[in-house]
Amino acid sequence: MKEVHFRLITGTDPELFAERLNRAVADLPEDAILVDVLFSTSHSGRAAEYSALLYYKEVEPWKD
């Protein structure tokens, strides 16, 4: 195993949040595996904030 990484994605618009999350997953390195995604929402007045924490690891290439 090489390294462990975290990436936090946030947004107040659900469509923009989904777009950011999809882009972050698509941009993961080729040698990375997505271990977990933690979601959270919070409210401040009338606005909701969406958050996702991506937990991924870079791994060694598989050798036969």
N, C-alpha and C. Protein backbone atom coordinates (compact mmCIF):
# COMPACT_ATOMS: atom_id res chain seq x y z
N MET A 1 0.85 -1.17 0.00
CA MET A 1 0.00 0.00 0.00
C MET A 1 0.90 1.23 0.00
N LYS A 2 0.53 2.22 -0.81
CA LYS A 2 1.33 3.43 -0.91
C LYS A 2 0.87 4.49 0.09
N GLU A 3 -0.25 5.14 -0.20
CA GLU A 3 -0.71 6.26 0.62
C GLU A 3 -2.21 6.23 0.82
N VAL A 4 -2.64 6.84 1.92
CA VAL A 4 -4.06 7.01 2.22
C VAL A 4 -4.39 8.49 2.01
N HIS A 5 -5.54 8.77 1.38
CA HIS A 5 -5.92 10.15 1.09
C HIS A 5 -7.37 10.39 1.46
N PHE A 6 -7.68 11.64 1.75
CA PHE A 6 -9.04 12.09 1.99
C PHE A 6 -9.30 13.30 1.11
N ARG A 7 -10.52 13.42 0.63
CA ARG A 7 -10.91 14.60 -0.14
C ARG A 7 -12.30 15.00 0.31
N LEU A 8 -12.46 16.27 0.67
CA LEU A 8 -13.74 16.80 1.13
C LEU A 8 -14.41 17.56 -0.01
N ILE A 9 -15.65 17.21 -0.28
CA ILE A 9 -16.45 17.87 -1.31
C ILE A 9 -17.64 18.52 -0.61
N THR A 10 -17.90 19.80 -0.90
CA THR A 10 -19.04 20.49 -0.28
C THR A 10 -19.79 21.29 -1.33
N GLY A 11 -21.03 21.65 -1.00
CA GLY A 11 -21.83 22.49 -1.87
C GLY A 11 -23.19 22.77 -1.26
N THR A 12 -23.79 23.87 -1.67
CA THR A 12 -25.12 24.21 -1.18
C THR A 12 -26.20 23.92 -2.21
N ASP A 13 -25.81 23.70 -3.45
CA ASP A 13 -26.75 23.34 -4.51
C ASP A 13 -26.59 21.84 -4.78
N PRO A 14 -27.67 21.06 -4.68
CA PRO A 14 -27.55 19.60 -4.84
C PRO A 14 -26.98 19.17 -6.19
N GLU A 15 -27.35 19.86 -7.25
CA GLU A 15 -26.84 19.49 -8.58
C GLU A 15 -25.36 19.80 -8.71
N LEU A 16 -24.94 20.94 -8.20
CA LEU A 16 -23.52 21.31 -8.23
C LEU A 16 -22.71 20.37 -7.34
N PHE A 17 -23.26 20.03 -6.18
CA PHE A 17 -22.60 19.08 -5.29
C PHE A 17 -22.40 17.73 -5.98
N ALA A 18 -23.44 17.23 -6.64
CA ALA A 18 -23.33 15.95 -7.35
C ALA A 18 -22.29 16.02 -8.46
N GLU A 19 -22.26 17.15 -9.16
CA GLU A 19 -21.27 17.34 -10.23
C GLU A 19 -19.85 17.32 -9.66
N ARG A 20 -19.64 18.02 -8.55
CA ARG A 20 -18.32 18.05 -7.92
C ARG A 20 -17.91 16.67 -7.43
N LEU A 21 -18.87 15.95 -6.85
CA LEU A 21 -18.58 14.60 -6.35
C LEU A 21 -18.22 13.67 -7.51
N ASN A 22 -18.99 13.71 -8.58
CA ASN A 22 -18.69 12.87 -9.75
C ASN A 22 -17.32 13.20 -10.34
N ARG A 23 -17.00 14.49 -10.42
CA ARG A 23 -15.70 14.91 -10.95
C ARG A 23 -14.56 14.43 -10.05
N ALA A 24 -14.74 14.53 -8.74
CA ALA A 24 -13.70 14.10 -7.80
C ALA A 24 -13.44 12.60 -7.93
N VAL A 25 -14.50 11.81 -8.07
CA VAL A 25 -14.33 10.36 -8.22
C VAL A 25 -13.66 10.05 -9.56
N ALA A 26 -14.07 10.73 -10.61
CA ALA A 26 -13.49 10.50 -11.94
C ALA A 26 -12.01 10.90 -11.98
N ASP A 27 -11.62 11.88 -11.17
CA ASP A 27 -10.24 12.36 -11.16
C ASP A 27 -9.31 11.58 -10.24
N LEU A 28 -9.82 10.55 -9.58
CA LEU A 28 -8.95 9.75 -8.73
C LEU A 28 -7.86 9.10 -9.58
N PRO A 29 -6.67 8.94 -9.01
CA PRO A 29 -5.59 8.29 -9.77
C PRO A 29 -5.99 6.87 -10.17
N GLU A 30 -5.41 6.41 -11.26
CA GLU A 30 -5.73 5.07 -11.77
C GLU A 30 -5.35 3.97 -10.78
N ASP A 31 -4.33 4.23 -9.96
CA ASP A 31 -3.88 3.22 -9.00
C ASP A 31 -4.52 3.41 -7.63
N ALA A 32 -5.72 4.03 -7.58
CA ALA A 32 -6.40 4.28 -6.31
C ALA A 32 -7.68 3.44 -6.23
N ILE A 33 -8.00 3.05 -5.01
CA ILE A 33 -9.28 2.39 -4.75
C ILE A 33 -10.06 3.26 -3.77
N LEU A 34 -11.33 3.39 -4.03
CA LEU A 34 -12.21 4.16 -3.17
C LEU A 34 -12.65 3.26 -2.02
N VAL A 35 -12.27 3.62 -0.80
CA VAL A 35 -12.54 2.80 0.37
C VAL A 35 -13.91 3.10 0.95
N ASP A 36 -14.24 4.40 1.08
CA ASP A 36 -15.50 4.78 1.71
C ASP A 36 -15.87 6.20 1.29
N VAL A 37 -17.16 6.47 1.32
CA VAL A 37 -17.68 7.82 1.11
C VAL A 37 -18.64 8.11 2.25
N LEU A 38 -18.36 9.17 3.00
CA LEU A 38 -19.22 9.57 4.13
C LEU A 38 -19.97 10.82 3.72
N PHE A 39 -21.30 10.80 3.89
CA PHE A 39 -22.14 11.94 3.51
C PHE A 39 -22.68 12.62 4.76
N SER A 40 -22.90 13.94 4.64
CA SER A 40 -23.48 14.71 5.72
C SER A 40 -24.23 15.89 5.13
N THR A 41 -25.29 16.30 5.81
CA THR A 41 -25.98 17.54 5.45
C THR A 41 -26.15 18.37 6.71
N SER A 42 -26.12 19.67 6.53
CA SER A 42 -26.38 20.57 7.66
C SER A 42 -27.21 21.74 7.15
N HIS A 43 -27.95 22.35 8.05
CA HIS A 43 -28.82 23.46 7.68
C HIS A 43 -28.40 24.71 8.43
N SER A 44 -28.39 25.81 7.72
CA SER A 44 -28.13 27.11 8.30
C SER A 44 -29.20 28.05 7.76
N GLY A 45 -30.19 28.31 8.57
CA GLY A 45 -31.33 29.09 8.08
C GLY A 45 -32.11 28.27 7.07
N ARG A 46 -32.27 28.80 5.87
CA ARG A 46 -32.99 28.09 4.82
C ARG A 46 -32.07 27.32 3.88
N ALA A 47 -30.77 27.50 4.02
CA ALA A 47 -29.81 26.85 3.13
C ALA A 47 -29.32 25.53 3.72
N ALA A 48 -29.20 24.55 2.87
CA ALA A 48 -28.62 23.26 3.26
C ALA A 48 -27.22 23.16 2.66
N GLU A 49 -26.31 22.60 3.43
CA GLU A 49 -24.96 22.35 2.90
C GLU A 49 -24.75 20.84 2.87
N TYR A 50 -24.30 20.36 1.70
CA TYR A 50 -24.04 18.95 1.49
C TYR A 50 -22.54 18.74 1.52
N SER A 51 -22.12 17.66 2.19
CA SER A 51 -20.70 17.36 2.29
C SER A 51 -20.48 15.87 2.06
N ALA A 52 -19.36 15.56 1.46
CA ALA A 52 -18.95 14.17 1.28
C ALA A 52 -17.45 14.10 1.53
N LEU A 53 -17.04 13.11 2.28
CA LEU A 53 -15.63 12.86 2.53
C LEU A 53 -15.26 11.58 1.79
N LEU A 54 -14.38 11.71 0.81
CA LEU A 54 -13.91 10.55 0.07
C LEU A 54 -12.65 10.03 0.75
N TYR A 55 -12.62 8.74 1.02
CA TYR A 55 -11.47 8.08 1.61
C TYR A 55 -10.97 7.09 0.59
N TYR A 56 -9.74 7.31 0.09
CA TYR A 56 -9.21 6.40 -0.92
C TYR A 56 -7.74 6.10 -0.64
N LYS A 57 -7.28 5.00 -1.21
CA LYS A 57 -5.90 4.56 -1.03
C LYS A 57 -5.27 4.35 -2.39
N GLU A 58 -4.01 4.73 -2.50
CA GLU A 58 -3.23 4.37 -3.66
C GLU A 58 -2.62 3.00 -3.37
N VAL A 59 -2.69 2.13 -4.34
CA VAL A 59 -2.21 0.76 -4.14
C VAL A 59 -1.15 0.41 -5.18
N GLU A 60 -0.40 -0.62 -4.88
CA GLU A 60 0.60 -1.14 -5.82
C GLU A 60 -0.12 -1.86 -6.95
N PRO A 61 0.42 -1.81 -8.16
CA PRO A 61 -0.18 -2.56 -9.26
C PRO A 61 -0.19 -4.06 -8.97
N TRP A 62 -1.22 -4.73 -9.47
CA TRP A 62 -1.34 -6.17 -9.30
C TRP A 62 -0.30 -6.86 -10.16
N LYS A 63 0.44 -7.81 -9.56
CA LYS A 63 1.47 -8.54 -10.31
C LYS A 63 1.11 -10.02 -10.33
N ASP A 64 1.20 -10.62 -11.50
CA ASP A 64 0.92 -12.06 -11.64
C ASP A 64 2.12 -12.88 -11.25
